Amino acid sequence: AKLKQNSPGMHLIVPAGANVYVISGVNPSCVDAVTLGEESFAPVAVDDFTNDGKLDLLVTSANGHVFCLSTELPFHPLNTWSTPWSG
């Protein structure tokens, strides 16, 4: 996922079919897609799962697989969304 430190604004991260879409909140026409090859229906969890100081995206598939996608964004507790109930 092309989430970089100089990307301003909020991003929407949406699983749809076999893709995860990263949509810029500043420029909605700026969309990046990551193909998983498997359908995903659950919300994407966002946190520093690899403990490297960067935000990671945790995506689960309908087949039971778990994908951890790394980004270049620095971790900050206000940027995480680890459960649907925390937002």
C-alpha atoms as a PDB file:
ATOM      1  CA  ALA A   1       0.000   0.000   0.000  1.00  0.00           C
ATOM      2  CA  LYS A   2       1.379   3.385  -0.942  1.00  0.00           C
ATOM      3  CA  LEU A   3       0.776   5.185   2.324  1.00  0.00           C
ATOM      4  CA  LYS A   4       3.801   7.436   2.760  1.00  0.00           C
ATOM      5  CA  GLN A   5       4.769   9.918   5.418  1.00  0.00           C
ATOM      6  CA  ASN A   6       4.207  12.873   3.075  1.00  0.00           C
ATOM      7  CA  SER A   7       0.662  11.750   2.144  1.00  0.00           C
ATOM      8  CA  PRO A   8      -1.562  14.420   3.732  1.00  0.00           C
ATOM      9  CA  GLY A   9      -4.989  13.833   5.176  1.00  0.00           C
ATOM     10  CA  MET A  10      -6.983  10.794   6.110  1.00  0.00           C
ATOM     11  CA  HIS A  11      -7.061   7.672   3.958  1.00  0.00           C
ATOM     12  CA  LEU A  12      -9.951   5.260   3.569  1.00  0.00           C
ATOM     13  CA  ILE A  13      -8.956   1.600   3.449  1.00  0.00           C
ATOM     14  CA  VAL A  14     -11.674  -0.597   2.008  1.00  0.00           C
ATOM     15  CA  PRO A  15     -11.663  -4.331   1.215  1.00  0.00           C
ATOM     16  CA  ALA A  16     -13.744  -5.137  -1.862  1.00  0.00           C
ATOM     17  CA  GLY A  17     -13.686  -8.532  -3.520  1.00  0.00           C
ATOM     18  CA  ALA A  18     -10.079  -9.721  -3.889  1.00  0.00           C
ATOM     19  CA  ASN A  19      -8.640  -6.186  -3.533  1.00  0.00           C
ATOM     20  CA  VAL A  20      -7.920  -3.736  -0.744  1.00  0.00           C
ATOM     21  CA  TYR A  21      -8.365  -0.139  -1.895  1.00  0.00           C
ATOM     22  CA  VAL A  22      -6.521   2.790  -0.321  1.00  0.00           C
ATOM     23  CA  ILE A  23      -8.382   6.013  -1.143  1.00  0.00           C
ATOM     24  CA  SER A  24      -6.911   9.424  -0.401  1.00  0.00           C
ATOM     25  CA  GLY A  25      -9.165  11.635   1.685  1.00  0.00           C
ATOM     26  CA  VAL A  26      -7.566  14.735   0.161  1.00  0.00           C
ATOM     27  CA  ASN A  27      -7.808  13.592  -3.465  1.00  0.00           C
ATOM     28  CA  PRO A  28     -10.537  10.924  -3.856  1.00  0.00           C
ATOM     29  CA  SER A  29      -9.404  10.264  -7.426  1.00  0.00           C
ATOM     30  CA  CYS A  30      -6.103   8.975  -5.982  1.00  0.00           C
ATOM     31  CA  VAL A  31      -6.729   5.277  -5.412  1.00  0.00           C
ATOM     32  CA  ASP A  32      -4.216   2.493  -4.855  1.00  0.00           C
ATOM     33  CA  ALA A  33      -5.265  -1.154  -4.996  1.00  0.00           C
ATOM     34  CA  VAL A  34      -3.541  -4.147  -3.445  1.00  0.00           C
ATOM     35  CA  THR A  35      -4.653  -7.475  -4.920  1.00  0.00           C
ATOM     36  CA  LEU A  36      -4.899 -10.272  -2.374  1.00  0.00           C
ATOM     37  CA  GLY A  37      -6.188 -12.965  -4.704  1.00  0.00           C
ATOM     38  CA  GLU A  38      -8.844 -13.881  -2.139  1.00  0.00           C
ATOM     39  CA  GLU A  39     -12.049 -12.130  -1.141  1.00  0.00           C
ATOM     40  CA  SER A  40     -12.157 -10.145   2.083  1.00  0.00           C
ATOM     41  CA  PHE A  41     -15.308  -8.923   3.796  1.00  0.00           C
ATOM     42  CA  ALA A  42     -14.037  -7.835   7.223  1.00  0.00           C
ATOM     43  CA  PRO A  43     -12.851  -4.322   8.115  1.00  0.00           C
ATOM     44  CA  VAL A  44      -9.107  -3.730   7.848  1.00  0.00           C
ATOM     45  CA  ALA A  45      -7.287  -3.354  11.181  1.00  0.00           C
ATOM     46  CA  VAL A  46      -4.594  -0.652  11.294  1.00  0.00           C
ATOM     47  CA  ASP A  47      -1.824  -0.681  13.922  1.00  0.00           C
ATOM     48  CA  ASP A  48       1.906  -1.350  14.332  1.00  0.00           C
ATOM     49  CA  PHE A  49       1.591  -5.139  14.248  1.00  0.00           C
ATOM     50  CA  THR A  50       5.249  -5.773  13.314  1.00  0.00           C
ATOM     51  CA  ASN A  51       6.610  -3.449  16.024  1.00  0.00           C
ATOM     52  CA  ASP A  52       8.823  -1.520  13.578  1.00  0.00           C
ATOM     53  CA  GLY A  53       7.398   1.948  14.250  1.00  0.00           C
ATOM     54  CA  LYS A  54       5.338   1.951  11.014  1.00  0.00           C
ATOM     55  CA  LEU A  55       1.615   1.428  10.466  1.00  0.00           C
ATOM     56  CA  ASP A  56       0.554  -1.971   9.150  1.00  0.00           C
ATOM     57  CA  LEU A  57      -2.736  -3.077   7.604  1.00  0.00           C
ATOM     58  CA  LEU A  58      -4.094  -6.419   8.784  1.00  0.00           C
ATOM     59  CA  VAL A  59      -6.519  -7.981   6.298  1.00  0.00           C
ATOM     60  CA  THR A  60      -8.309 -11.311   6.666  1.00  0.00           C
ATOM     61  CA  SER A  61      -9.714 -13.301   3.773  1.00  0.00           C
ATOM     62  CA  ALA A  62     -12.885 -15.348   3.463  1.00  0.00           C
ATOM     63  CA  ASN A  63     -10.600 -18.408   3.121  1.00  0.00           C
ATOM     64  CA  GLY A  64      -9.157 -17.811   6.599  1.00  0.00           C
ATOM     65  CA  HIS A  65      -5.810 -16.291   5.591  1.00  0.00           C
ATOM     66  CA  VAL A  66      -4.343 -13.238   7.303  1.00  0.00           C
ATOM     67  CA  PHE A  67      -2.333 -10.655   5.337  1.00  0.00           C
ATOM     68  CA  CYS A  68      -0.150  -8.000   6.967  1.00  0.00           C
ATOM     69  CA  LEU A  69       0.579  -5.125   4.572  1.00  0.00           C
ATOM     70  CA  SER A  70       3.338  -2.717   5.592  1.00  0.00           C
ATOM     71  CA  THR A  71       3.269   1.034   4.967  1.00  0.00           C
ATOM     72  CA  GLU A  72       5.784   3.854   5.270  1.00  0.00           C
ATOM     73  CA  LEU A  73       3.614   5.865   7.668  1.00  0.00           C
ATOM     74  CA  PRO A  74       5.058   6.326  11.149  1.00  0.00           C
ATOM     75  CA  PHE A  75       3.068   4.735  13.945  1.00  0.00           C
ATOM     76  CA  HIS A  76       1.039   7.009  16.198  1.00  0.00           C
ATOM     77  CA  PRO A  77      -1.738   5.762  18.518  1.00  0.00           C
ATOM     78  CA  LEU A  78      -4.210   8.259  17.021  1.00  0.00           C
ATOM     79  CA  ASN A  79      -3.727   6.698  13.552  1.00  0.00           C
ATOM     80  CA  THR A  80      -4.692   3.166  14.573  1.00  0.00           C
ATOM     81  CA  TRP A  81      -7.973   1.357  14.119  1.00  0.00           C
ATOM     82  CA  SER A  82      -7.566  -2.074  15.668  1.00  0.00           C
ATOM     83  CA  THR A  83     -11.261  -2.970  16.088  1.00  0.00           C
ATOM     84  CA  PRO A  84     -14.545  -1.796  14.540  1.00  0.00           C
ATOM     85  CA  TRP A  85     -15.630  -0.646  18.010  1.00  0.00           C
ATOM     86  CA  SER A  86     -12.667   1.712  18.534  1.00  0.00           C
ATOM     87  CA  GLY A  87     -13.700   4.146  15.761  1.00  0.00           C
END
